[in-house]
Amino acid sequence: MTIEDVFPNHNANCVKRRMDGEGDGWANEHREALGRSWWMQDVDAMFGFEVFGQNTSNRLFMEYVPDDWENHGKVIREYGIIALFDRKCSLEMALAGHVSAGLYLHNCRVFGKYQGVDPKFFYVIGGQEPPWSLAEIDIHTGERCGDVVVMPDGNWQPLWEQLGIVQVRRELCKWIAKR
C-alpha cells in the first residue's frame, strides 16, 4: 500500500496535489522533488496585479519555513523567507533589467533585515517542462553570482545544499525557534 492509496490527493512525498490539476511545471516538480517539509507559495499574481497591472501568475515563487505549528490555524505566525524564484524563458530575458527584479531584490533585502538572515534570489530558466536551470542573483548588487546550474531530475536536495538554500533554511529555523 502506498501513500497515494491511503491519501489519493497526495503524492509519494505526502505533499497535497493541486486540486485543479494545473500549476507551474517547475513548482509542481518542487512538490515532487523536495517533499512536504519544503513550503513554497506563488506570489506573482499579487505582485503582478498590484504593482505591474498585469497577470504574471506562475512565474514568481517564495520558499519559506513556518514556525513549529504552535500557531497553526491562526493568522499570526512566524515565517522565514528562504528564497524567491522568478521563472523566465531565457537567461537573457532574466538579466534584461526588468523593474520587477528590483522589487524582488528589494523584498529580499527587507526580509533579510527583519529575520537577520538574507534570503536568496534565483532565476529559474526554462518553460513548463524540464530541463530547468538556476541562476543566483546577489540581492545586494543585482549581479549574477556563481555558475548557472542545471537542475537534476528527481532529488533536488543535493542541489539545494550546494546552492546554500538548505543552510539558509537551517538558520531561519533557529531564528524562529528563538522568537
Protein backbone atom coordinates (compact mmCIF):
# COMPACT_ATOMS: atom_id res chain seq x y z
CA MET A 1 0.00 0.00 0.00
CA THR A 2 1.33 3.48 -0.93
CA ILE A 3 0.68 6.99 0.35
CA GLU A 4 -1.37 7.58 -2.79
CA ASP A 5 -3.61 4.62 -1.86
CA VAL A 6 -4.27 5.99 1.63
CA PHE A 7 -4.34 9.69 0.66
CA PRO A 8 -5.29 9.88 -3.03
CA ASN A 9 -4.85 13.67 -3.15
CA HIS A 10 -1.20 13.43 -2.05
CA ASN A 11 1.95 12.41 -3.90
CA ALA A 12 4.55 9.89 -2.73
CA ASN A 13 6.25 12.63 -0.64
CA CYS A 14 2.98 13.26 1.27
CA VAL A 15 2.50 16.61 -0.46
CA LYS A 16 -1.04 17.57 -1.37
CA ARG A 17 -1.54 17.78 -5.12
CA ARG A 18 -3.12 20.84 -6.67
CA MET A 19 -6.82 20.20 -6.82
CA ASP A 20 -7.18 21.99 -10.16
CA GLY A 21 -4.52 19.78 -11.78
CA GLU A 22 -2.73 22.89 -13.03
CA GLY A 23 0.14 24.97 -11.78
CA ASP A 24 3.58 25.80 -12.99
CA GLY A 25 5.67 22.81 -14.12
CA TRP A 26 8.67 23.88 -12.05
CA ALA A 27 6.52 24.46 -8.93
CA ASN A 28 4.84 21.09 -9.35
CA GLU A 29 8.25 19.45 -9.61
CA HIS A 30 9.28 21.31 -6.42
CA ARG A 31 6.45 19.42 -4.67
CA GLU A 32 7.63 16.10 -6.08
CA ALA A 33 11.37 16.57 -5.64
CA LEU A 34 11.57 18.16 -2.18
CA GLY A 35 8.51 16.90 -0.37
CA ARG A 36 6.28 18.01 2.44
CA SER A 37 8.69 19.94 4.63
CA TRP A 38 9.69 22.42 1.89
CA TRP A 39 6.95 25.03 1.64
CA MET A 40 6.54 27.30 -1.36
CA GLN A 41 3.91 29.83 -2.36
CA ASP A 42 3.39 31.58 -5.66
CA VAL A 43 3.33 35.31 -5.02
CA ASP A 44 3.46 36.71 -8.51
CA ALA A 45 -0.25 37.14 -9.18
CA MET A 46 -0.45 39.54 -6.23
CA PHE A 47 2.69 41.42 -7.30
CA GLY A 48 1.60 41.43 -10.92
CA PHE A 49 -1.84 42.84 -10.33
CA GLU A 50 -0.93 45.22 -7.52
CA VAL A 51 2.39 46.53 -8.79
CA PHE A 52 2.53 45.99 -12.55
CA GLY A 53 -1.13 45.88 -13.57
CA GLN A 54 -0.83 42.52 -15.29
CA ASN A 55 -1.26 38.84 -14.52
CA THR A 56 2.21 37.41 -14.04
CA SER A 57 0.98 34.24 -12.39
CA ASN A 58 3.01 31.02 -12.32
CA ARG A 59 6.35 32.73 -12.54
CA LEU A 60 7.38 34.07 -9.11
CA PHE A 61 7.62 31.79 -6.10
CA MET A 62 8.64 32.24 -2.49
CA GLU A 63 10.10 29.37 -0.49
CA TYR A 64 9.61 29.75 3.24
CA VAL A 65 9.71 27.94 6.54
CA PRO A 66 6.87 28.42 9.05
CA ASP A 67 7.02 28.18 12.80
CA ASP A 68 6.70 24.82 14.53
CA TRP A 69 2.92 24.72 14.04
CA GLU A 70 2.33 26.11 17.53
CA ASN A 71 0.23 28.80 15.82
CA HIS A 72 -1.26 26.52 13.16
CA GLY A 73 -4.63 27.78 12.06
CA LYS A 74 -4.01 31.30 13.38
CA VAL A 75 -3.44 34.42 11.32
CA ILE A 76 -0.28 35.49 13.15
CA ARG A 77 2.57 33.06 12.69
CA GLU A 78 6.31 33.34 12.24
CA TYR A 79 7.79 32.72 8.81
CA GLY A 80 11.30 32.82 7.48
CA ILE A 81 11.71 33.64 3.80
CA ILE A 82 14.32 31.30 2.33
CA ALA A 83 14.34 32.33 -1.31
CA LEU A 84 12.45 33.96 -4.14
CA PHE A 85 12.42 32.30 -7.56
CA ASP A 86 11.40 34.02 -10.79
CA ARG A 87 10.91 31.72 -13.78
CA LYS A 88 11.98 33.20 -17.13
CA CYS A 89 12.18 31.65 -20.57
CA SER A 90 15.85 32.58 -21.10
CA LEU A 91 18.83 33.89 -19.15
CA GLU A 92 18.98 36.88 -21.49
CA MET A 93 15.37 37.74 -20.63
CA ALA A 94 16.09 37.31 -16.93
CA LEU A 95 19.10 39.62 -16.97
CA ALA A 96 17.41 42.34 -19.06
CA GLY A 97 16.99 44.64 -16.04
CA HIS A 98 13.24 44.47 -15.52
CA VAL A 99 11.78 46.77 -12.88
CA SER A 100 10.18 43.72 -11.27
CA ALA A 101 13.65 42.32 -10.49
CA GLY A 102 14.38 45.45 -8.47
CA LEU A 103 11.21 44.90 -6.45
CA TYR A 104 12.04 41.25 -5.80
CA LEU A 105 15.59 42.06 -4.72
CA HIS A 106 14.32 44.90 -2.52
CA ASN A 107 11.89 42.50 -0.85
CA CYS A 108 14.73 40.04 -0.23
CA ARG A 109 16.77 42.78 1.45
CA VAL A 110 13.80 43.83 3.62
CA PHE A 111 13.12 40.21 4.62
CA GLY A 112 16.83 39.82 5.43
CA LYS A 113 16.84 42.86 7.72
CA TYR A 114 13.79 41.61 9.59
CA GLN A 115 14.84 38.00 10.01
CA GLY A 116 18.61 38.57 10.30
CA VAL A 117 19.29 36.03 7.53
CA ASP A 118 19.35 37.09 3.90
CA PRO A 119 17.12 35.05 1.62
CA LYS A 120 18.41 34.07 -1.78
CA PHE A 121 17.08 35.06 -5.19
CA PHE A 122 17.20 32.82 -8.25
CA TYR A 123 16.05 32.99 -11.82
CA VAL A 124 14.62 29.65 -12.91
CA ILE A 125 15.36 29.40 -16.62
CA GLY A 126 13.04 27.29 -18.76
CA GLY A 127 9.44 26.60 -19.58
CA GLN A 128 6.79 24.31 -18.18
CA GLU A 129 8.87 21.16 -18.64
CA PRO A 130 12.43 20.29 -17.59
CA PRO A 131 15.23 20.92 -18.02
CA TRP A 132 15.43 23.99 -15.81
CA SER A 133 18.49 25.95 -14.81
CA LEU A 134 19.04 28.17 -11.78
CA ALA A 135 20.94 31.44 -11.87
CA GLU A 136 21.53 33.06 -8.48
CA ILE A 137 21.42 36.84 -8.22
CA ASP A 138 23.16 38.67 -5.37
CA ILE A 139 20.36 40.51 -3.54
CA HIS A 140 22.65 43.46 -2.68
CA THR A 141 24.29 44.07 -6.07
CA GLY A 142 21.84 42.61 -8.59
CA GLU A 143 24.73 40.77 -10.22
CA ARG A 144 24.73 37.09 -11.07
CA CYS A 145 26.81 35.06 -8.62
CA GLY A 146 28.17 31.60 -9.31
CA ASP A 147 27.52 29.45 -12.32
CA VAL A 148 24.17 28.70 -13.86
CA VAL A 149 23.26 25.23 -12.58
CA VAL A 150 21.16 22.70 -14.48
CA MET A 151 18.66 21.10 -12.15
CA PRO A 152 18.65 17.32 -11.84
CA ASP A 153 15.61 15.15 -12.33
CA GLY A 154 14.14 13.82 -9.11
CA ASN A 155 16.09 14.64 -5.96
CA TRP A 156 16.74 18.37 -5.62
CA GLN A 157 18.04 18.16 -2.04
CA PRO A 158 21.75 17.92 -3.02
CA LEU A 159 21.37 20.93 -5.30
CA TRP A 160 19.58 22.90 -2.55
CA GLU A 161 22.55 22.03 -0.30
CA GLN A 162 25.09 23.08 -2.95
CA LEU A 163 23.34 26.43 -3.53
CA GLY A 164 23.15 27.26 0.19
CA ILE A 165 19.36 27.09 0.35
CA VAL A 166 19.46 24.33 2.99
CA GLN A 167 21.81 26.43 5.13
CA VAL A 168 19.52 29.48 4.94
CA ARG A 169 16.62 27.25 5.96
CA ARG A 170 18.57 25.89 8.95
CA GLU A 171 19.45 29.41 10.10
CA LEU A 172 15.84 30.55 9.76
CA CYS A 173 14.58 27.56 11.75
CA LYS A 174 16.93 28.61 14.58
CA TRP A 175 15.72 32.22 14.30
CA ILE A 176 12.08 31.16 14.50
CA ALA A 177 12.77 28.85 17.47
CA LYS A 178 14.20 31.80 19.46
CA ARG A 179 11.16 34.04 18.88
